[in-house]
Amino acid sequence: VLLQCRSGVRSAHAAAALVARGFTDVTNLEGGILAWTEAYR
């Protein structure tokens, strides 16, 4: 599961919740979509 949000904070919390519930293949887009758009501008 790949999670992303605007800044990466909410998706990080969601990723932690999924891992706590047994999901094993969870990835958060660190820095969110803001960091991604800056990196690939």
PDB file of N, CA and C in Angstrom:
ATOM      1  N   VAL A   1       0.858  -1.162   0.000  1.00  0.00           N
ATOM      2  CA  VAL A   1       0.000   0.000   0.000  1.00  0.00           C
ATOM      3  C   VAL A   1       0.904   1.225   0.000  1.00  0.00           C
ATOM      4  N   LEU A   2       0.664   2.138  -0.930  1.00  0.00           N
ATOM      5  CA  LEU A   2       1.392   3.405  -0.971  1.00  0.00           C
ATOM      6  C   LEU A   2       0.451   4.497  -0.507  1.00  0.00           C
ATOM      7  N   LEU A   3       0.872   5.219   0.519  1.00  0.00           N
ATOM      8  CA  LEU A   3       0.048   6.294   1.072  1.00  0.00           C
ATOM      9  C   LEU A   3       0.712   7.633   0.808  1.00  0.00           C
ATOM     10  N   GLN A   4      -0.116   8.642   0.528  1.00  0.00           N
ATOM     11  CA  GLN A   4       0.404   9.988   0.354  1.00  0.00           C
ATOM     12  C   GLN A   4      -0.664  10.985   0.765  1.00  0.00           C
ATOM     13  N   CYS A   5      -0.207  12.123   1.232  1.00  0.00           N
ATOM     14  CA  CYS A   5      -1.087  13.248   1.515  1.00  0.00           C
ATOM     15  C   CYS A   5      -0.315  14.510   1.137  1.00  0.00           C
ATOM     16  N   ARG A   6      -0.798  15.651   1.489  1.00  0.00           N
ATOM     17  CA  ARG A   6      -0.159  16.902   1.083  1.00  0.00           C
ATOM     18  C   ARG A   6       1.250  17.031   1.643  1.00  0.00           C
ATOM     19  N   SER A   7       1.414  16.817   2.956  1.00  0.00           N
ATOM     20  CA  SER A   7       2.721  17.037   3.586  1.00  0.00           C
ATOM     21  C   SER A   7       3.388  15.766   4.092  1.00  0.00           C
ATOM     22  N   GLY A   8       2.673  14.664   4.113  1.00  0.00           N
ATOM     23  CA  GLY A   8       3.234  13.403   4.576  1.00  0.00           C
ATOM     24  C   GLY A   8       2.932  13.058   6.018  1.00  0.00           C
ATOM     25  N   VAL A   9       2.354  13.994   6.756  1.00  0.00           N
ATOM     26  CA  VAL A   9       2.089  13.754   8.178  1.00  0.00           C
ATOM     27  C   VAL A   9       0.906  12.807   8.365  1.00  0.00           C
ATOM     28  N   ARG A  10      -0.209  13.115   7.737  1.00  0.00           N
ATOM     29  CA  ARG A  10      -1.400  12.259   7.891  1.00  0.00           C
ATOM     30  C   ARG A  10      -1.164  10.871   7.325  1.00  0.00           C
ATOM     31  N   SER A  11      -0.478  10.804   6.193  1.00  0.00           N
ATOM     32  CA  SER A  11      -0.220   9.491   5.600  1.00  0.00           C
ATOM     33  C   SER A  11       0.743   8.680   6.458  1.00  0.00           C
ATOM     34  N   ALA A  12       1.662   9.339   7.161  1.00  0.00           N
ATOM     35  CA  ALA A  12       2.561   8.624   8.076  1.00  0.00           C
ATOM     36  C   ALA A  12       1.770   8.010   9.225  1.00  0.00           C
ATOM     37  N   HIS A  13       0.805   8.751   9.748  1.00  0.00           N
ATOM     38  CA  HIS A  13      -0.054   8.212  10.815  1.00  0.00           C
ATOM     39  C   HIS A  13      -0.889   7.042  10.292  1.00  0.00           C
ATOM     40  N   ALA A  14      -1.407   7.184   9.095  1.00  0.00           N
ATOM     41  CA  ALA A  14      -2.200   6.104   8.497  1.00  0.00           C
ATOM     42  C   ALA A  14      -1.338   4.872   8.253  1.00  0.00           C
ATOM     43  N   ALA A  15      -0.102   5.077   7.802  1.00  0.00           N
ATOM     44  CA  ALA A  15       0.811   3.954   7.569  1.00  0.00           C
ATOM     45  C   ALA A  15       1.091   3.215   8.870  1.00  0.00           C
ATOM     46  N   ALA A  16       1.334   3.960   9.934  1.00  0.00           N
ATOM     47  CA  ALA A  16       1.585   3.332  11.235  1.00  0.00           C
ATOM     48  C   ALA A  16       0.372   2.535  11.698  1.00  0.00           C
ATOM     49  N   ALA A  17      -0.818   3.065  11.467  1.00  0.00           N
ATOM     50  CA  ALA A  17      -2.039   2.357  11.857  1.00  0.00           C
ATOM     51  C   ALA A  17      -2.194   1.062  11.063  1.00  0.00           C
ATOM     52  N   LEU A  18      -1.877   1.093   9.781  1.00  0.00           N
ATOM     53  CA  LEU A  18      -1.973  -0.123   8.967  1.00  0.00           C
ATOM     54  C   LEU A  18      -0.972  -1.176   9.428  1.00  0.00           C
ATOM     55  N   VAL A  19       0.255  -0.757   9.708  1.00  0.00           N
ATOM     56  CA  VAL A  19       1.277  -1.693  10.193  1.00  0.00           C
ATOM     57  C   VAL A  19       0.839  -2.293  11.524  1.00  0.00           C
ATOM     58  N   ALA A  20       0.269  -1.471  12.401  1.00  0.00           N
ATOM     59  CA  ALA A  20      -0.207  -1.957  13.701  1.00  0.00           C
ATOM     60  C   ALA A  20      -1.320  -2.986  13.542  1.00  0.00           C
ATOM     61  N   ARG A  21      -2.021  -2.932  12.423  1.00  0.00           N
ATOM     62  CA  ARG A  21      -3.115  -3.874  12.166  1.00  0.00           C
ATOM     63  C   ARG A  21      -2.686  -5.054  11.310  1.00  0.00           C
ATOM     64  N   GLY A  22      -1.370  -5.187  11.099  1.00  0.00           N
ATOM     65  CA  GLY A  22      -0.872  -6.385  10.447  1.00  0.00           C
ATOM     66  C   GLY A  22      -0.448  -6.255   8.999  1.00  0.00           C
ATOM     67  N   PHE A  23      -0.628  -5.096   8.408  1.00  0.00           N
ATOM     68  CA  PHE A  23      -0.167  -4.919   7.028  1.00  0.00           C
ATOM     69  C   PHE A  23       1.357  -4.919   7.024  1.00  0.00           C
ATOM     70  N   THR A  24       1.955  -5.562   6.033  1.00  0.00           N
ATOM     71  CA  THR A  24       3.414  -5.690   6.022  1.00  0.00           C
ATOM     72  C   THR A  24       4.083  -4.921   4.890  1.00  0.00           C
ATOM     73  N   ASP A  25       3.364  -4.574   3.858  1.00  0.00           N
ATOM     74  CA  ASP A  25       3.963  -3.882   2.713  1.00  0.00           C
ATOM     75  C   ASP A  25       3.340  -2.495   2.597  1.00  0.00           C
ATOM     76  N   VAL A  26       3.758  -1.588   3.491  1.00  0.00           N
ATOM     77  CA  VAL A  26       3.185  -0.246   3.581  1.00  0.00           C
ATOM     78  C   VAL A  26       4.295   0.769   3.339  1.00  0.00           C
ATOM     79  N   THR A  27       4.038   1.714   2.442  1.00  0.00           N
ATOM     80  CA  THR A  27       5.015   2.755   2.137  1.00  0.00           C
ATOM     81  C   THR A  27       4.338   4.112   2.205  1.00  0.00           C
ATOM     82  N   ASN A  28       5.014   5.067   2.845  1.00  0.00           N
ATOM     83  CA  ASN A  28       4.535   6.436   2.925  1.00  0.00           C
ATOM     84  C   ASN A  28       5.404   7.307   2.025  1.00  0.00           C
ATOM     85  N   LEU A  29       4.783   8.175   1.253  1.00  0.00           N
ATOM     86  CA  LEU A  29       5.525   9.131   0.433  1.00  0.00           C
ATOM     87  C   LEU A  29       6.028  10.225   1.368  1.00  0.00           C
ATOM     88  N   GLU A  30       7.277  10.080   1.820  1.00  0.00           N
ATOM     89  CA  GLU A  30       7.856  10.993   2.802  1.00  0.00           C
ATOM     90  C   GLU A  30       7.871  12.421   2.267  1.00  0.00           C
ATOM     91  N   GLY A  31       7.351  13.342   3.057  1.00  0.00           N
ATOM     92  CA  GLY A  31       7.266  14.734   2.639  1.00  0.00           C
ATOM     93  C   GLY A  31       6.011  15.056   1.850  1.00  0.00           C
ATOM     94  N   GLY A  32       5.249  14.025   1.534  1.00  0.00           N
ATOM     95  CA  GLY A  32       3.984  14.211   0.845  1.00  0.00           C
ATOM     96  C   GLY A  32       4.131  14.661  -0.595  1.00  0.00           C
ATOM     97  N   ILE A  33       3.004  15.037  -1.155  1.00  0.00           N
ATOM     98  CA  ILE A  33       2.970  15.448  -2.554  1.00  0.00           C
ATOM     99  C   ILE A  33       3.729  16.757  -2.754  1.00  0.00           C
ATOM    100  N   LEU A  34       3.823  17.577  -1.703  1.00  0.00           N
ATOM    101  CA  LEU A  34       4.588  18.823  -1.815  1.00  0.00           C
ATOM    102  C   LEU A  34       6.056  18.536  -2.099  1.00  0.00           C
ATOM    103  N   ALA A  35       6.654  17.627  -1.357  1.00  0.00           N
ATOM    104  CA  ALA A  35       8.062  17.273  -1.567  1.00  0.00           C
ATOM    105  C   ALA A  35       8.255  16.584  -2.910  1.00  0.00           C
ATOM    106  N   TRP A  36       7.313  15.756  -3.294  1.00  0.00           N
ATOM    107  CA  TRP A  36       7.428  15.047  -4.564  1.00  0.00           C
ATOM    108  C   TRP A  36       7.420  16.027  -5.730  1.00  0.00           C
ATOM    109  N   THR A  37       6.502  17.001  -5.697  1.00  0.00           N
ATOM    110  CA  THR A  37       6.441  17.958  -6.802  1.00  0.00           C
ATOM    111  C   THR A  37       7.683  18.834  -6.846  1.00  0.00           C
ATOM    112  N   GLU A  38       8.257  19.170  -5.700  1.00  0.00           N
ATOM    113  CA  GLU A  38       9.511  19.935  -5.675  1.00  0.00           C
ATOM    114  C   GLU A  38      10.655  19.128  -6.265  1.00  0.00           C
ATOM    115  N   ALA A  39      10.718  17.862  -5.931  1.00  0.00           N
ATOM    116  CA  ALA A  39      11.815  17.004  -6.389  1.00  0.00           C
ATOM    117  C   ALA A  39      11.754  16.744  -7.888  1.00  0.00           C
ATOM    118  N   TYR A  40      10.567  16.717  -8.449  1.00  0.00           N
ATOM    119  CA  TYR A  40      10.417  16.358  -9.858  1.00  0.00           C
ATOM    120  C   TYR A  40       9.880  17.509 -10.702  1.00  0.00           C
ATOM    121  N   ARG A  41      10.180  18.709 -10.283  1.00  0.00           N
ATOM    122  CA  ARG A  41       9.739  19.905 -11.007  1.00  0.00           C
ATOM    123  C   ARG A  41      10.590  20.132 -12.208  1.00  0.00           C
TER     124      ARG A  41
END
